[in-house]
């Protein structure tokens, strides 16, 4: 029984490692006037030192990261896996760009609706994805702010 318990514990650890993966350089953020479009470059972005994002009225928040597919996560090979971008609940309009192409837009993004932004269905170690997430101007964003936790999830079949 001890052996089975150890196997279950290892499987749970690997599942956690695979399901909660973050870009190495972390997430960066900036604000811009609503409707200005994606920032042209990384100038003006600051590291996210916590999950709370807040801005002034009529401004949106841009969150950025460069994600490079690793060889493995916690010893599990990644090649051939599906890789998704997920986030916690955001009760605000959200747009997601991958490699400068808008791939997702919704009036709000929640864990309950579980929208998936697919980065790839056939991961190749070394491939890079430039991710930009726009949380559009709304009352909550310029009031209390929004706690936002984007993350990369790897699904190995």
C-alpha atoms as a PDB file:
ATOM      1  CA  UNK A   1       0.000   0.000   0.000  1.00  0.00           C
ATOM      2  CA  UNK A   2       2.866   2.368   0.708  1.00  0.00           C
ATOM      3  CA  UNK A   3       4.078   1.942  -2.892  1.00  0.00           C
ATOM      4  CA  UNK A   4       0.640   2.867  -4.302  1.00  0.00           C
ATOM      5  CA  UNK A   5       0.446   5.914  -2.027  1.00  0.00           C
ATOM      6  CA  UNK A   6       3.876   7.050  -3.223  1.00  0.00           C
ATOM      7  CA  UNK A   7       2.821   6.605  -6.866  1.00  0.00           C
ATOM      8  CA  UNK A   8      -0.373   8.591  -6.292  1.00  0.00           C
ATOM      9  CA  UNK A   9       1.589  11.372  -4.591  1.00  0.00           C
ATOM     10  CA  UNK A  10       4.081  11.534  -7.484  1.00  0.00           C
ATOM     11  CA  UNK A  11       1.254  11.563 -10.044  1.00  0.00           C
ATOM     12  CA  UNK A  12      -0.442  14.412  -8.173  1.00  0.00           C
ATOM     13  CA  UNK A  13       2.840  16.380  -8.059  1.00  0.00           C
ATOM     14  CA  UNK A  14       3.383  15.901 -11.801  1.00  0.00           C
ATOM     15  CA  UNK A  15      -0.192  16.904 -12.560  1.00  0.00           C
ATOM     16  CA  UNK A  16       0.225  20.077 -10.471  1.00  0.00           C
ATOM     17  CA  UNK A  17       3.527  20.873 -12.211  1.00  0.00           C
ATOM     18  CA  UNK A  18       1.927  20.437 -15.620  1.00  0.00           C
ATOM     19  CA  UNK A  19      -1.270  22.292 -14.873  1.00  0.00           C
ATOM     20  CA  UNK A  20       0.248  25.427 -13.360  1.00  0.00           C
ATOM     21  CA  UNK A  21       3.147  26.614 -15.489  1.00  0.00           C
ATOM     22  CA  UNK A  22       4.271  30.226 -15.892  1.00  0.00           C
ATOM     23  CA  UNK A  23       6.526  31.980 -18.414  1.00  0.00           C
ATOM     24  CA  UNK A  24      10.144  32.195 -17.183  1.00  0.00           C
ATOM     25  CA  UNK A  25      10.351  35.980 -17.540  1.00  0.00           C
ATOM     26  CA  UNK A  26       7.083  36.458 -15.680  1.00  0.00           C
ATOM     27  CA  UNK A  27       4.183  38.674 -16.654  1.00  0.00           C
ATOM     28  CA  UNK A  28       4.585  42.382 -17.445  1.00  0.00           C
ATOM     29  CA  UNK A  29       1.926  45.083 -17.584  1.00  0.00           C
ATOM     30  CA  UNK A  30       1.148  48.620 -18.689  1.00  0.00           C
ATOM     31  CA  UNK A  31      -1.905  50.807 -19.230  1.00  0.00           C
ATOM     32  CA  UNK A  32      -3.072  52.557 -22.387  1.00  0.00           C
ATOM     33  CA  UNK A  33      -6.021  54.539 -23.666  1.00  0.00           C
ATOM     34  CA  UNK A  34      -8.953  52.272 -24.564  1.00  0.00           C
ATOM     35  CA  UNK A  35      -8.986  51.587 -28.310  1.00  0.00           C
ATOM     36  CA  UNK A  36      -5.283  52.332 -28.819  1.00  0.00           C
ATOM     37  CA  UNK A  37      -4.565  48.744 -29.916  1.00  0.00           C
ATOM     38  CA  UNK A  38      -1.743  46.452 -28.806  1.00  0.00           C
ATOM     39  CA  UNK A  39       1.493  48.155 -27.734  1.00  0.00           C
ATOM     40  CA  UNK A  40       4.135  48.093 -30.466  1.00  0.00           C
ATOM     41  CA  UNK A  41       6.935  46.994 -28.144  1.00  0.00           C
ATOM     42  CA  UNK A  42       7.815  46.357 -24.496  1.00  0.00           C
ATOM     43  CA  UNK A  43       8.598  50.007 -23.699  1.00  0.00           C
ATOM     44  CA  UNK A  44       6.603  51.157 -20.717  1.00  0.00           C
ATOM     45  CA  UNK A  45       5.843  47.663 -19.408  1.00  0.00           C
ATOM     46  CA  UNK A  46       6.658  46.924 -15.752  1.00  0.00           C
ATOM     47  CA  UNK A  47       6.956  43.552 -14.024  1.00  0.00           C
ATOM     48  CA  UNK A  48       3.746  42.426 -12.312  1.00  0.00           C
ATOM     49  CA  UNK A  49       4.709  42.372  -8.657  1.00  0.00           C
ATOM     50  CA  UNK A  50       1.297  41.053  -7.641  1.00  0.00           C
ATOM     51  CA  UNK A  51      -1.967  40.013  -9.225  1.00  0.00           C
ATOM     52  CA  UNK A  52      -3.902  43.271  -8.710  1.00  0.00           C
ATOM     53  CA  UNK A  53      -4.237  45.474 -11.795  1.00  0.00           C
ATOM     54  CA  UNK A  54      -5.891  48.883 -11.666  1.00  0.00           C
ATOM     55  CA  UNK A  55      -6.020  51.873 -13.984  1.00  0.00           C
ATOM     56  CA  UNK A  56      -7.708  55.219 -14.501  1.00  0.00           C
ATOM     57  CA  UNK A  57     -11.038  55.821 -16.207  1.00  0.00           C
ATOM     58  CA  UNK A  58     -11.044  55.157 -19.957  1.00  0.00           C
ATOM     59  CA  UNK A  59      -7.824  53.155 -19.816  1.00  0.00           C
ATOM     60  CA  UNK A  60      -7.214  49.459 -20.365  1.00  0.00           C
ATOM     61  CA  UNK A  61      -4.528  47.177 -18.964  1.00  0.00           C
ATOM     62  CA  UNK A  62      -2.150  45.224 -21.199  1.00  0.00           C
ATOM     63  CA  UNK A  63      -0.437  42.154 -19.744  1.00  0.00           C
ATOM     64  CA  UNK A  64       2.415  40.569 -21.688  1.00  0.00           C
ATOM     65  CA  UNK A  65       4.726  37.567 -21.564  1.00  0.00           C
ATOM     66  CA  UNK A  66       6.984  35.658 -23.902  1.00  0.00           C
ATOM     67  CA  UNK A  67       6.509  31.919 -23.439  1.00  0.00           C
ATOM     68  CA  UNK A  68       9.050  29.454 -24.816  1.00  0.00           C
ATOM     69  CA  UNK A  69       8.019  25.802 -24.815  1.00  0.00           C
ATOM     70  CA  UNK A  70      10.380  23.905 -22.483  1.00  0.00           C
ATOM     71  CA  UNK A  71      11.833  20.452 -23.124  1.00  0.00           C
ATOM     72  CA  UNK A  72      10.097  19.144 -20.010  1.00  0.00           C
ATOM     73  CA  UNK A  73       8.224  20.197 -16.878  1.00  0.00           C
ATOM     74  CA  UNK A  74       9.282  18.436 -13.688  1.00  0.00           C
ATOM     75  CA  UNK A  75      10.880  15.682 -15.756  1.00  0.00           C
ATOM     76  CA  UNK A  76       7.849  15.090 -18.003  1.00  0.00           C
ATOM     77  CA  UNK A  77       8.560  15.664 -21.751  1.00  0.00           C
ATOM     78  CA  UNK A  78       6.423  18.398 -23.317  1.00  0.00           C
ATOM     79  CA  UNK A  79       6.858  17.618 -27.061  1.00  0.00           C
ATOM     80  CA  UNK A  80       3.537  16.819 -28.726  1.00  0.00           C
ATOM     81  CA  UNK A  81       1.453  18.228 -25.872  1.00  0.00           C
ATOM     82  CA  UNK A  82      -1.364  20.754 -26.122  1.00  0.00           C
ATOM     83  CA  UNK A  83      -0.599  24.087 -24.458  1.00  0.00           C
ATOM     84  CA  UNK A  84      -3.326  26.480 -23.295  1.00  0.00           C
ATOM     85  CA  UNK A  85      -3.555  29.920 -21.743  1.00  0.00           C
ATOM     86  CA  UNK A  86      -6.027  30.112 -18.855  1.00  0.00           C
ATOM     87  CA  UNK A  87      -6.899  32.790 -16.331  1.00  0.00           C
ATOM     88  CA  UNK A  88      -8.923  33.252 -13.213  1.00  0.00           C
ATOM     89  CA  UNK A  89     -12.225  35.107 -13.212  1.00  0.00           C
ATOM     90  CA  UNK A  90     -12.162  38.475 -14.935  1.00  0.00           C
ATOM     91  CA  UNK A  91     -15.482  40.293 -14.995  1.00  0.00           C
ATOM     92  CA  UNK A  92     -14.382  42.654 -17.731  1.00  0.00           C
ATOM     93  CA  UNK A  93     -14.053  42.555 -21.509  1.00  0.00           C
ATOM     94  CA  UNK A  94     -10.857  40.687 -22.464  1.00  0.00           C
ATOM     95  CA  UNK A  95      -8.908  40.295 -25.717  1.00  0.00           C
ATOM     96  CA  UNK A  96      -5.959  37.937 -26.160  1.00  0.00           C
ATOM     97  CA  UNK A  97      -3.281  38.221 -28.833  1.00  0.00           C
ATOM     98  CA  UNK A  98      -0.752  35.495 -29.611  1.00  0.00           C
ATOM     99  CA  UNK A  99       2.155  36.470 -31.848  1.00  0.00           C
ATOM    100  CA  UNK A 100       0.311  39.787 -32.585  1.00  0.00           C
ATOM    101  CA  UNK A 101      -2.854  38.025 -33.858  1.00  0.00           C
ATOM    102  CA  UNK A 102      -6.097  38.426 -31.895  1.00  0.00           C
ATOM    103  CA  UNK A 103      -7.175  34.879 -31.028  1.00  0.00           C
ATOM    104  CA  UNK A 104      -9.799  35.515 -28.353  1.00  0.00           C
ATOM    105  CA  UNK A 105     -12.279  38.181 -27.305  1.00  0.00           C
ATOM    106  CA  UNK A 106     -15.107  37.953 -24.778  1.00  0.00           C
ATOM    107  CA  UNK A 107     -17.207  40.322 -22.695  1.00  0.00           C
ATOM    108  CA  UNK A 108     -15.754  38.523 -19.638  1.00  0.00           C
ATOM    109  CA  UNK A 109     -13.477  35.545 -18.994  1.00  0.00           C
ATOM    110  CA  UNK A 110     -14.199  33.203 -16.109  1.00  0.00           C
ATOM    111  CA  UNK A 111     -13.149  29.825 -14.831  1.00  0.00           C
ATOM    112  CA  UNK A 112     -16.825  28.860 -14.972  1.00  0.00           C
ATOM    113  CA  UNK A 113     -17.058  29.323 -18.744  1.00  0.00           C
ATOM    114  CA  UNK A 114     -13.503  27.947 -19.092  1.00  0.00           C
ATOM    115  CA  UNK A 115     -12.605  29.517 -22.406  1.00  0.00           C
ATOM    116  CA  UNK A 116      -9.354  28.118 -23.681  1.00  0.00           C
ATOM    117  CA  UNK A 117      -6.813  30.006 -25.683  1.00  0.00           C
ATOM    118  CA  UNK A 118      -4.892  27.303 -27.515  1.00  0.00           C
ATOM    119  CA  UNK A 119      -1.233  28.175 -28.020  1.00  0.00           C
ATOM    120  CA  UNK A 120      -0.570  24.873 -29.786  1.00  0.00           C
ATOM    121  CA  UNK A 121      -1.920  21.329 -30.075  1.00  0.00           C
ATOM    122  CA  UNK A 122       1.530  19.949 -31.011  1.00  0.00           C
ATOM    123  CA  UNK A 123       4.134  21.533 -28.733  1.00  0.00           C
ATOM    124  CA  UNK A 124       7.689  21.715 -29.991  1.00  0.00           C
ATOM    125  CA  UNK A 125      10.349  22.600 -27.415  1.00  0.00           C
ATOM    126  CA  UNK A 126      11.894  25.969 -28.250  1.00  0.00           C
ATOM    127  CA  UNK A 127       8.809  27.421 -29.990  1.00  0.00           C
ATOM    128  CA  UNK A 128       8.058  30.919 -28.703  1.00  0.00           C
ATOM    129  CA  UNK A 129       4.665  32.561 -28.168  1.00  0.00           C
ATOM    130  CA  UNK A 130       4.371  36.288 -27.513  1.00  0.00           C
ATOM    131  CA  UNK A 131       1.224  36.747 -25.447  1.00  0.00           C
ATOM    132  CA  UNK A 132      -0.650  40.030 -24.979  1.00  0.00           C
ATOM    133  CA  UNK A 133      -3.808  40.172 -22.877  1.00  0.00           C
ATOM    134  CA  UNK A 134      -5.968  43.295 -22.867  1.00  0.00           C
ATOM    135  CA  UNK A 135      -8.385  43.861 -20.006  1.00  0.00           C
ATOM    136  CA  UNK A 136     -10.560  46.580 -21.522  1.00  0.00           C
ATOM    137  CA  UNK A 137     -11.645  49.709 -19.662  1.00  0.00           C
ATOM    138  CA  UNK A 138     -14.494  49.108 -17.227  1.00  0.00           C
ATOM    139  CA  UNK A 139     -15.749  50.402 -13.884  1.00  0.00           C
ATOM    140  CA  UNK A 140     -14.138  47.606 -11.835  1.00  0.00           C
ATOM    141  CA  UNK A 141     -10.731  48.136 -13.423  1.00  0.00           C
ATOM    142  CA  UNK A 142     -10.611  51.831 -12.491  1.00  0.00           C
ATOM    143  CA  UNK A 143     -12.245  51.237  -9.084  1.00  0.00           C
ATOM    144  CA  UNK A 144     -11.088  48.454  -6.813  1.00  0.00           C
ATOM    145  CA  UNK A 145      -9.009  46.804  -9.520  1.00  0.00           C
ATOM    146  CA  UNK A 146      -8.951  43.198 -10.692  1.00  0.00           C
ATOM    147  CA  UNK A 147      -6.867  40.349  -9.264  1.00  0.00           C
ATOM    148  CA  UNK A 148      -5.618  38.553 -12.362  1.00  0.00           C
ATOM    149  CA  UNK A 149      -3.610  35.317 -12.603  1.00  0.00           C
ATOM    150  CA  UNK A 150      -2.903  34.214 -16.186  1.00  0.00           C
ATOM    151  CA  UNK A 151      -1.151  30.856 -16.456  1.00  0.00           C
ATOM    152  CA  UNK A 152       0.010  28.312 -18.993  1.00  0.00           C
ATOM    153  CA  UNK A 153      -1.416  24.804 -18.835  1.00  0.00           C
ATOM    154  CA  UNK A 154       0.166  21.815 -20.546  1.00  0.00           C
ATOM    155  CA  UNK A 155      -1.981  18.822 -21.354  1.00  0.00           C
ATOM    156  CA  UNK A 156      -0.065  15.673 -22.106  1.00  0.00           C
ATOM    157  CA  UNK A 157      -2.162  12.894 -23.637  1.00  0.00           C
END
